[in-house]
Amino acid sequence: MHGDFKFNLMRMNLLKLGEKENIKLNNLDGFFEDKGISDVSSKEIKAQLEHLAKENYLSEKSDNEYELTGEGKKELAEVKTAIKKF
């Protein structure tokens, strides 16, 4: 899968996970493979979490834990609407 698509899919899935629970980096083993996104490294996951935090969609609770923000909830709602139209 092309990197741009891969990283966007990773970010969407991370936001969706954050809707249910705080995102813990240590608990993501196999998470992306179950979503059809293969060859994902811990470094890539951390980079995407940091990207989402920089965009104010996640807040960093600790080095390995993130929480969905109000902005993240709004973005996720927009993504869900767009995907329904896909």
PDB file of N, CA and C in Angstrom:
ATOM      1  N   MET A   1       0.855  -1.172   0.000  1.00  0.00           N
ATOM      2  CA  MET A   1       0.000   0.000   0.000  1.00  0.00           C
ATOM      3  C   MET A   1       0.904   1.239   0.000  1.00  0.00           C
ATOM      4  N   HIS A   2       0.552   2.215  -0.793  1.00  0.00           N
ATOM      5  CA  HIS A   2       1.302   3.469  -0.860  1.00  0.00           C
ATOM      6  C   HIS A   2       1.302   4.141   0.513  1.00  0.00           C
ATOM      7  N   GLY A   3       2.419   4.726   0.875  1.00  0.00           N
ATOM      8  CA  GLY A   3       2.586   5.323   2.193  1.00  0.00           C
ATOM      9  C   GLY A   3       1.526   6.338   2.565  1.00  0.00           C
ATOM     10  N   ASP A   4       1.146   7.208   1.628  1.00  0.00           N
ATOM     11  CA  ASP A   4       0.137   8.221   1.940  1.00  0.00           C
ATOM     12  C   ASP A   4      -1.185   7.581   2.358  1.00  0.00           C
ATOM     13  N   PHE A   5      -1.612   6.567   1.628  1.00  0.00           N
ATOM     14  CA  PHE A   5      -2.853   5.869   1.978  1.00  0.00           C
ATOM     15  C   PHE A   5      -2.696   5.145   3.309  1.00  0.00           C
ATOM     16  N   LYS A   6      -1.578   4.475   3.464  1.00  0.00           N
ATOM     17  CA  LYS A   6      -1.311   3.717   4.690  1.00  0.00           C
ATOM     18  C   LYS A   6      -1.396   4.627   5.914  1.00  0.00           C
ATOM     19  N   PHE A   7      -0.705   5.770   5.861  1.00  0.00           N
ATOM     20  CA  PHE A   7      -0.677   6.652   7.026  1.00  0.00           C
ATOM     21  C   PHE A   7      -2.037   7.281   7.291  1.00  0.00           C
ATOM     22  N   ASN A   8      -2.775   7.622   6.243  1.00  0.00           N
ATOM     23  CA  ASN A   8      -4.123   8.157   6.448  1.00  0.00           C
ATOM     24  C   ASN A   8      -5.043   7.110   7.064  1.00  0.00           C
ATOM     25  N   LEU A   9      -4.957   5.880   6.593  1.00  0.00           N
ATOM     26  CA  LEU A   9      -5.769   4.807   7.179  1.00  0.00           C
ATOM     27  C   LEU A   9      -5.372   4.554   8.628  1.00  0.00           C
ATOM     28  N   MET A  10      -4.086   4.609   8.900  1.00  0.00           N
ATOM     29  CA  MET A  10      -3.629   4.447  10.283  1.00  0.00           C
ATOM     30  C   MET A  10      -4.228   5.535  11.170  1.00  0.00           C
ATOM     31  N   ARG A  11      -4.176   6.778  10.711  1.00  0.00           N
ATOM     32  CA  ARG A  11      -4.698   7.887  11.514  1.00  0.00           C
ATOM     33  C   ARG A  11      -6.202   7.755  11.741  1.00  0.00           C
ATOM     34  N   MET A  12      -6.944   7.377  10.706  1.00  0.00           N
ATOM     35  CA  MET A  12      -8.394   7.201  10.869  1.00  0.00           C
ATOM     36  C   MET A  12      -8.696   6.113  11.893  1.00  0.00           C
ATOM     37  N   ASN A  13      -7.972   5.000  11.801  1.00  0.00           N
ATOM     38  CA  ASN A  13      -8.195   3.909  12.743  1.00  0.00           C
ATOM     39  C   ASN A  13      -7.774   4.279  14.158  1.00  0.00           C
ATOM     40  N   LEU A  14      -6.732   5.071  14.302  1.00  0.00           N
ATOM     41  CA  LEU A  14      -6.326   5.524  15.634  1.00  0.00           C
ATOM     42  C   LEU A  14      -7.384   6.444  16.239  1.00  0.00           C
ATOM     43  N   LEU A  15      -7.932   7.353  15.448  1.00  0.00           N
ATOM     44  CA  LEU A  15      -8.997   8.219  15.958  1.00  0.00           C
ATOM     45  C   LEU A  15     -10.212   7.396  16.365  1.00  0.00           C
ATOM     46  N   LYS A  16     -10.574   6.419  15.554  1.00  0.00           N
ATOM     47  CA  LYS A  16     -11.726   5.563  15.876  1.00  0.00           C
ATOM     48  C   LYS A  16     -11.482   4.786  17.162  1.00  0.00           C
ATOM     49  N   LEU A  17     -10.267   4.275  17.339  1.00  0.00           N
ATOM     50  CA  LEU A  17      -9.929   3.581  18.585  1.00  0.00           C
ATOM     51  C   LEU A  17     -10.028   4.544  19.764  1.00  0.00           C
ATOM     52  N   GLY A  18      -9.552   5.777  19.572  1.00  0.00           N
ATOM     53  CA  GLY A  18      -9.607   6.777  20.630  1.00  0.00           C
ATOM     54  C   GLY A  18     -11.020   7.148  21.042  1.00  0.00           C
ATOM     55  N   GLU A  19     -11.961   6.908  20.158  1.00  0.00           N
ATOM     56  CA  GLU A  19     -13.374   7.149  20.472  1.00  0.00           C
ATOM     57  C   GLU A  19     -13.854   6.169  21.547  1.00  0.00           C
ATOM     58  N   LYS A  20     -13.272   4.978  21.569  1.00  0.00           N
ATOM     59  CA  LYS A  20     -13.677   3.919  22.497  1.00  0.00           C
ATOM     60  C   LYS A  20     -12.881   3.923  23.794  1.00  0.00           C
ATOM     61  N   GLU A  21     -11.578   4.231  23.687  1.00  0.00           N
ATOM     62  CA  GLU A  21     -10.675   4.120  24.841  1.00  0.00           C
ATOM     63  C   GLU A  21      -9.422   4.946  24.584  1.00  0.00           C
ATOM     64  N   ASN A  22      -8.675   5.211  25.659  1.00  0.00           N
ATOM     65  CA  ASN A  22      -7.380   5.855  25.469  1.00  0.00           C
ATOM     66  C   ASN A  22      -6.494   4.931  24.646  1.00  0.00           C
ATOM     67  N   ILE A  23      -5.681   5.512  23.800  1.00  0.00           N
ATOM     68  CA  ILE A  23      -4.805   4.744  22.914  1.00  0.00           C
ATOM     69  C   ILE A  23      -3.490   4.506  23.623  1.00  0.00           C
ATOM     70  N   LYS A  24      -3.143   3.256  23.808  1.00  0.00           N
ATOM     71  CA  LYS A  24      -1.889   2.884  24.461  1.00  0.00           C
ATOM     72  C   LYS A  24      -0.999   2.212  23.431  1.00  0.00           C
ATOM     73  N   LEU A  25       0.145   2.825  23.175  1.00  0.00           N
ATOM     74  CA  LEU A  25       1.071   2.331  22.162  1.00  0.00           C
ATOM     75  C   LEU A  25       1.400   0.861  22.378  1.00  0.00           C
ATOM     76  N   ASN A  26       1.557   0.459  23.624  1.00  0.00           N
ATOM     77  CA  ASN A  26       1.934  -0.925  23.931  1.00  0.00           C
ATOM     78  C   ASN A  26       0.822  -1.929  23.640  1.00  0.00           C
ATOM     79  N   ASN A  27      -0.403  -1.457  23.439  1.00  0.00           N
ATOM     80  CA  ASN A  27      -1.540  -2.356  23.201  1.00  0.00           C
ATOM     81  C   ASN A  27      -1.928  -2.459  21.729  1.00  0.00           C
ATOM     82  N   LEU A  28      -1.075  -1.982  20.831  1.00  0.00           N
ATOM     83  CA  LEU A  28      -1.453  -1.934  19.419  1.00  0.00           C
ATOM     84  C   LEU A  28      -0.871  -3.067  18.583  1.00  0.00           C
ATOM     85  N   ASP A  29      -0.280  -4.070  19.222  1.00  0.00           N
ATOM     86  CA  ASP A  29       0.242  -5.215  18.469  1.00  0.00           C
ATOM     87  C   ASP A  29      -0.893  -5.899  17.714  1.00  0.00           C
ATOM     88  N   GLY A  30      -0.760  -6.017  16.418  1.00  0.00           N
ATOM     89  CA  GLY A  30      -1.760  -6.681  15.591  1.00  0.00           C
ATOM     90  C   GLY A  30      -2.967  -5.826  15.243  1.00  0.00           C
ATOM     91  N   PHE A  31      -3.083  -4.651  15.840  1.00  0.00           N
ATOM     92  CA  PHE A  31      -4.253  -3.794  15.617  1.00  0.00           C
ATOM     93  C   PHE A  31      -4.424  -3.441  14.142  1.00  0.00           C
ATOM     94  N   PHE A  32      -3.348  -3.019  13.502  1.00  0.00           N
ATOM     95  CA  PHE A  32      -3.453  -2.582  12.113  1.00  0.00           C
ATOM     96  C   PHE A  32      -3.582  -3.750  11.148  1.00  0.00           C
ATOM     97  N   GLU A  33      -2.964  -4.865  11.457  1.00  0.00           N
ATOM     98  CA  GLU A  33      -3.108  -6.047  10.605  1.00  0.00           C
ATOM     99  C   GLU A  33      -4.564  -6.484  10.559  1.00  0.00           C
ATOM    100  N   ASP A  34      -5.259  -6.381  11.700  1.00  0.00           N
ATOM    101  CA  ASP A  34      -6.687  -6.717  11.751  1.00  0.00           C
ATOM    102  C   ASP A  34      -7.524  -5.768  10.896  1.00  0.00           C
ATOM    103  N   LYS A  35      -6.979  -4.598  10.589  1.00  0.00           N
ATOM    104  CA  LYS A  35      -7.671  -3.598   9.772  1.00  0.00           C
ATOM    105  C   LYS A  35      -7.234  -3.645   8.310  1.00  0.00           C
ATOM    106  N   GLY A  36      -6.377  -4.623   7.957  1.00  0.00           N
ATOM    107  CA  GLY A  36      -5.918  -4.760   6.577  1.00  0.00           C
ATOM    108  C   GLY A  36      -4.729  -3.893   6.225  1.00  0.00           C
ATOM    109  N   ILE A  37      -4.062  -3.347   7.237  1.00  0.00           N
ATOM    110  CA  ILE A  37      -2.889  -2.492   7.018  1.00  0.00           C
ATOM    111  C   ILE A  37      -1.675  -3.274   7.506  1.00  0.00           C
ATOM    112  N   SER A  38      -0.837  -3.699   6.572  1.00  0.00           N
ATOM    113  CA  SER A  38       0.283  -4.570   6.946  1.00  0.00           C
ATOM    114  C   SER A  38       1.599  -3.811   7.022  1.00  0.00           C
ATOM    115  N   ASP A  39       2.586  -4.490   7.578  1.00  0.00           N
ATOM    116  CA  ASP A  39       3.953  -3.961   7.689  1.00  0.00           C
ATOM    117  C   ASP A  39       3.999  -2.615   8.403  1.00  0.00           C
ATOM    118  N   VAL A  40       3.383  -2.548   9.575  1.00  0.00           N
ATOM    119  CA  VAL A  40       3.373  -1.325  10.372  1.00  0.00           C
ATOM    120  C   VAL A  40       4.357  -1.491  11.527  1.00  0.00           C
ATOM    121  N   SER A  41       5.306  -0.581  11.611  1.00  0.00           N
ATOM    122  CA  SER A  41       6.301  -0.639  12.685  1.00  0.00           C
ATOM    123  C   SER A  41       5.865   0.227  13.868  1.00  0.00           C
ATOM    124  N   SER A  42       6.435  -0.040  15.015  1.00  0.00           N
ATOM    125  CA  SER A  42       6.170   0.780  16.206  1.00  0.00           C
ATOM    126  C   SER A  42       6.565   2.228  15.963  1.00  0.00           C
ATOM    127  N   LYS A  43       7.640   2.419  15.229  1.00  0.00           N
ATOM    128  CA  LYS A  43       8.109   3.772  14.905  1.00  0.00           C
ATOM    129  C   LYS A  43       7.062   4.520  14.070  1.00  0.00           C
ATOM    130  N   GLU A  44       6.451   3.823  13.107  1.00  0.00           N
ATOM    131  CA  GLU A  44       5.403   4.442  12.286  1.00  0.00           C
ATOM    132  C   GLU A  44       4.178   4.782  13.130  1.00  0.00           C
ATOM    133  N   ILE A  45       3.815   3.883  14.033  1.00  0.00           N
ATOM    134  CA  ILE A  45       2.658   4.136  14.897  1.00  0.00           C
ATOM    135  C   ILE A  45       2.913   5.360  15.761  1.00  0.00           C
ATOM    136  N   LYS A  46       4.078   5.410  16.386  1.00  0.00           N
ATOM    137  CA  LYS A  46       4.430   6.549  17.246  1.00  0.00           C
ATOM    138  C   LYS A  46       4.406   7.847  16.439  1.00  0.00           C
ATOM    139  N   ALA A  47       4.932   7.816  15.217  1.00  0.00           N
ATOM    140  CA  ALA A  47       4.942   9.013  14.369  1.00  0.00           C
ATOM    141  C   ALA A  47       3.520   9.479  14.056  1.00  0.00           C
ATOM    142  N   GLN A  48       2.606   8.545  13.801  1.00  0.00           N
ATOM    143  CA  GLN A  48       1.224   8.919  13.493  1.00  0.00           C
ATOM    144  C   GLN A  48       0.507   9.444  14.734  1.00  0.00           C
ATOM    145  N   LEU A  49       0.790   8.869  15.891  1.00  0.00           N
ATOM    146  CA  LEU A  49       0.220   9.384  17.137  1.00  0.00           C
ATOM    147  C   LEU A  49       0.706  10.809  17.393  1.00  0.00           C
ATOM    148  N   GLU A  50       1.987  11.045  17.182  1.00  0.00           N
ATOM    149  CA  GLU A  50       2.552  12.383  17.360  1.00  0.00           C
ATOM    150  C   GLU A  50       1.952  13.364  16.352  1.00  0.00           C
ATOM    151  N   HIS A  51       1.733  12.898  15.122  1.00  0.00           N
ATOM    152  CA  HIS A  51       1.108  13.741  14.095  1.00  0.00           C
ATOM    153  C   HIS A  51      -0.297  14.159  14.544  1.00  0.00           C
ATOM    154  N   LEU A  52      -1.076  13.208  15.027  1.00  0.00           N
ATOM    155  CA  LEU A  52      -2.436  13.512  15.476  1.00  0.00           C
ATOM    156  C   LEU A  52      -2.426  14.439  16.693  1.00  0.00           C
ATOM    157  N   ALA A  53      -1.454  14.275  17.569  1.00  0.00           N
ATOM    158  CA  ALA A  53      -1.333  15.160  18.733  1.00  0.00           C
ATOM    159  C   ALA A  53      -0.970  16.578  18.286  1.00  0.00           C
ATOM    160  N   LYS A  54      -0.083  16.681  17.314  1.00  0.00           N
ATOM    161  CA  LYS A  54       0.316  17.994  16.782  1.00  0.00           C
ATOM    162  C   LYS A  54      -0.880  18.710  16.150  1.00  0.00           C
ATOM    163  N   GLU A  55      -1.771  17.943  15.527  1.00  0.00           N
ATOM    164  CA  GLU A  55      -2.982  18.500  14.911  1.00  0.00           C
ATOM    165  C   GLU A  55      -4.079  18.775  15.944  1.00  0.00           C
ATOM    166  N   ASN A  56      -3.808  18.470  17.209  1.00  0.00           N
ATOM    167  CA  ASN A  56      -4.741  18.654  18.323  1.00  0.00           C
ATOM    168  C   ASN A  56      -5.940  17.700  18.257  1.00  0.00           C
ATOM    169  N   TYR A  57      -5.761  16.555  17.618  1.00  0.00           N
ATOM    170  CA  TYR A  57      -6.805  15.532  17.586  1.00  0.00           C
ATOM    171  C   TYR A  57      -6.636  14.542  18.733  1.00  0.00           C
ATOM    172  N   LEU A  58      -5.434  14.437  19.248  1.00  0.00           N
ATOM    173  CA  LEU A  58      -5.134  13.616  20.417  1.00  0.00           C
ATOM    174  C   LEU A  58      -4.354  14.461  21.410  1.00  0.00           C
ATOM    175  N   SER A  59      -4.507  14.141  22.688  1.00  0.00           N
ATOM    176  CA  SER A  59      -3.644  14.752  23.701  1.00  0.00           C
ATOM    177  C   SER A  59      -2.799  13.633  24.303  1.00  0.00           C
ATOM    178  N   GLU A  60      -1.554  13.952  24.557  1.00  0.00           N
ATOM    179  CA  GLU A  60      -0.624  12.954  25.089  1.00  0.00           C
ATOM    180  C   GLU A  60      -0.769  12.900  26.606  1.00  0.00           C
ATOM    181  N   LYS A  61      -1.177  11.746  27.115  1.00  0.00           N
ATOM    182  CA  LYS A  61      -1.339  11.544  28.557  1.00  0.00           C
ATOM    183  C   LYS A  61      -0.009  11.143  29.194  1.00  0.00           C
ATOM    184  N   SER A  62       0.780  10.360  28.447  1.00  0.00           N
ATOM    185  CA  SER A  62       2.120   9.929  28.857  1.00  0.00           C
ATOM    186  C   SER A  62       2.872   9.592  27.576  1.00  0.00           C
ATOM    187  N   ASP A  63       4.091   9.097  27.700  1.00  0.00           N
ATOM    188  CA  ASP A  63       4.875   8.756  26.508  1.00  0.00           C
ATOM    189  C   ASP A  63       4.185   7.726  25.627  1.00  0.00           C
ATOM    190  N   ASN A  64       3.362   6.885  26.216  1.00  0.00           N
ATOM    191  CA  ASN A  64       2.752   5.781  25.474  1.00  0.00           C
ATOM    192  C   ASN A  64       1.230   5.788  25.492  1.00  0.00           C
ATOM    193  N   GLU A  65       0.612   6.873  25.939  1.00  0.00           N
ATOM    194  CA  GLU A  65      -0.851   6.905  26.027  1.00  0.00           C
ATOM    195  C   GLU A  65      -1.393   8.242  25.513  1.00  0.00           C
ATOM    196  N   TYR A  66      -2.436   8.136  24.702  1.00  0.00           N
ATOM    197  CA  TYR A  66      -3.059   9.312  24.088  1.00  0.00           C
ATOM    198  C   TYR A  66      -4.569   9.254  24.287  1.00  0.00           C
ATOM    199  N   GLU A  67      -5.182  10.442  24.332  1.00  0.00           N
ATOM    200  CA  GLU A  67      -6.626  10.563  24.515  1.00  0.00           C
ATOM    201  C   GLU A  67      -7.205  11.420  23.391  1.00  0.00           C
ATOM    202  N   LEU A  68      -8.365  11.035  22.889  1.00  0.00           N
ATOM    203  CA  LEU A  68      -9.047  11.788  21.837  1.00  0.00           C
ATOM    204  C   LEU A  68      -9.534  13.128  22.395  1.00  0.00           C
ATOM    205  N   THR A  69      -9.284  14.205  21.663  1.00  0.00           N
ATOM    206  CA  THR A  69      -9.729  15.540  22.077  1.00  0.00           C
ATOM    207  C   THR A  69     -11.075  15.871  21.426  1.00  0.00           C
ATOM    208  N   GLY A  70     -11.632  16.999  21.815  1.00  0.00           N
ATOM    209  CA  GLY A  70     -12.857  17.473  21.173  1.00  0.00           C
ATOM    210  C   GLY A  70     -12.661  17.692  19.680  1.00  0.00           C
ATOM    211  N   GLU A  71     -11.509  18.248  19.308  1.00  0.00           N
ATOM    212  CA  GLU A  71     -11.191  18.435  17.888  1.00  0.00           C
ATOM    213  C   GLU A  71     -11.080  17.089  17.175  1.00  0.00           C
ATOM    214  N   GLY A  72     -10.521  16.112  17.858  1.00  0.00           N
ATOM    215  CA  GLY A  72     -10.409  14.773  17.284  1.00  0.00           C
ATOM    216  C   GLY A  72     -11.774  14.150  17.045  1.00  0.00           C
ATOM    217  N   LYS A  73     -12.696  14.384  17.966  1.00  0.00           N
ATOM    218  CA  LYS A  73     -14.060  13.868  17.808  1.00  0.00           C
ATOM    219  C   LYS A  73     -14.741  14.503  16.599  1.00  0.00           C
ATOM    220  N   LYS A  74     -14.537  15.816  16.427  1.00  0.00           N
ATOM    221  CA  LYS A  74     -15.115  16.509  15.271  1.00  0.00           C
ATOM    222  C   LYS A  74     -14.529  15.969  13.965  1.00  0.00           C
ATOM    223  N   GLU A  75     -13.215  15.804  13.942  1.00  0.00           N
ATOM    224  CA  GLU A  75     -12.548  15.298  12.735  1.00  0.00           C
ATOM    225  C   GLU A  75     -13.032  13.892  12.402  1.00  0.00           C
ATOM    226  N   LEU A  76     -13.148  13.048  13.413  1.00  0.00           N
ATOM    227  CA  LEU A  76     -13.612  11.681  13.195  1.00  0.00           C
ATOM    228  C   LEU A  76     -15.035  11.678  12.636  1.00  0.00           C
ATOM    229  N   ALA A  77     -15.888  12.544  13.140  1.00  0.00           N
ATOM    230  CA  ALA A  77     -17.258  12.636  12.623  1.00  0.00           C
ATOM    231  C   ALA A  77     -17.253  13.029  11.148  1.00  0.00           C
ATOM    232  N   GLU A  78     -16.382  13.969  10.773  1.00  0.00           N
ATOM    233  CA  GLU A  78     -16.282  14.376   9.370  1.00  0.00           C
ATOM    234  C   GLU A  78     -15.764  13.234   8.497  1.00  0.00           C
ATOM    235  N   VAL A  79     -14.793  12.495   9.005  1.00  0.00           N
ATOM    236  CA  VAL A  79     -14.244  11.352   8.261  1.00  0.00           C
ATOM    237  C   VAL A  79     -15.327  10.302   8.047  1.00  0.00           C
ATOM    238  N   LYS A  80     -16.088  10.005   9.094  1.00  0.00           N
ATOM    239  CA  LYS A  80     -17.156   9.007   8.977  1.00  0.00           C
ATOM    240  C   LYS A  80     -18.187   9.431   7.929  1.00  0.00           C
ATOM    241  N   THR A  81     -18.543  10.707   7.910  1.00  0.00           N
ATOM    242  CA  THR A  81     -19.495  11.217   6.922  1.00  0.00           C
ATOM    243  C   THR A  81     -18.942  11.067   5.511  1.00  0.00           C
ATOM    244  N   ALA A  82     -17.680  11.427   5.332  1.00  0.00           N
ATOM    245  CA  ALA A  82     -17.057  11.329   4.006  1.00  0.00           C
ATOM    246  C   ALA A  82     -16.964   9.881   3.538  1.00  0.00           C
ATOM    247  N   ILE A  83     -16.634   8.972   4.443  1.00  0.00           N
ATOM    248  CA  ILE A  83     -16.501   7.558   4.069  1.00  0.00           C
ATOM    249  C   ILE A  83     -17.853   6.985   3.655  1.00  0.00           C
ATOM    250  N   LYS A  84     -18.922   7.414   4.301  1.00  0.00           N
ATOM    251  CA  LYS A  84     -20.253   6.937   3.914  1.00  0.00           C
ATOM    252  C   LYS A  84     -20.576   7.306   2.469  1.00  0.00           C
ATOM    253  N   LYS A  85     -20.014   8.415   2.000  1.00  0.00           N
ATOM    254  CA  LYS A  85     -20.265   8.878   0.634  1.00  0.00           C
ATOM    255  C   LYS A  85     -19.299   8.265  -0.368  1.00  0.00           C
ATOM    256  N   PHE A  86     -18.311   7.520   0.084  1.00  0.00           N
ATOM    257  CA  PHE A  86     -17.272   6.948  -0.777  1.00  0.00           C
ATOM    258  C   PHE A  86     -17.812   5.846  -1.656  1.00  0.00           C
TER     259      PHE A  86
END
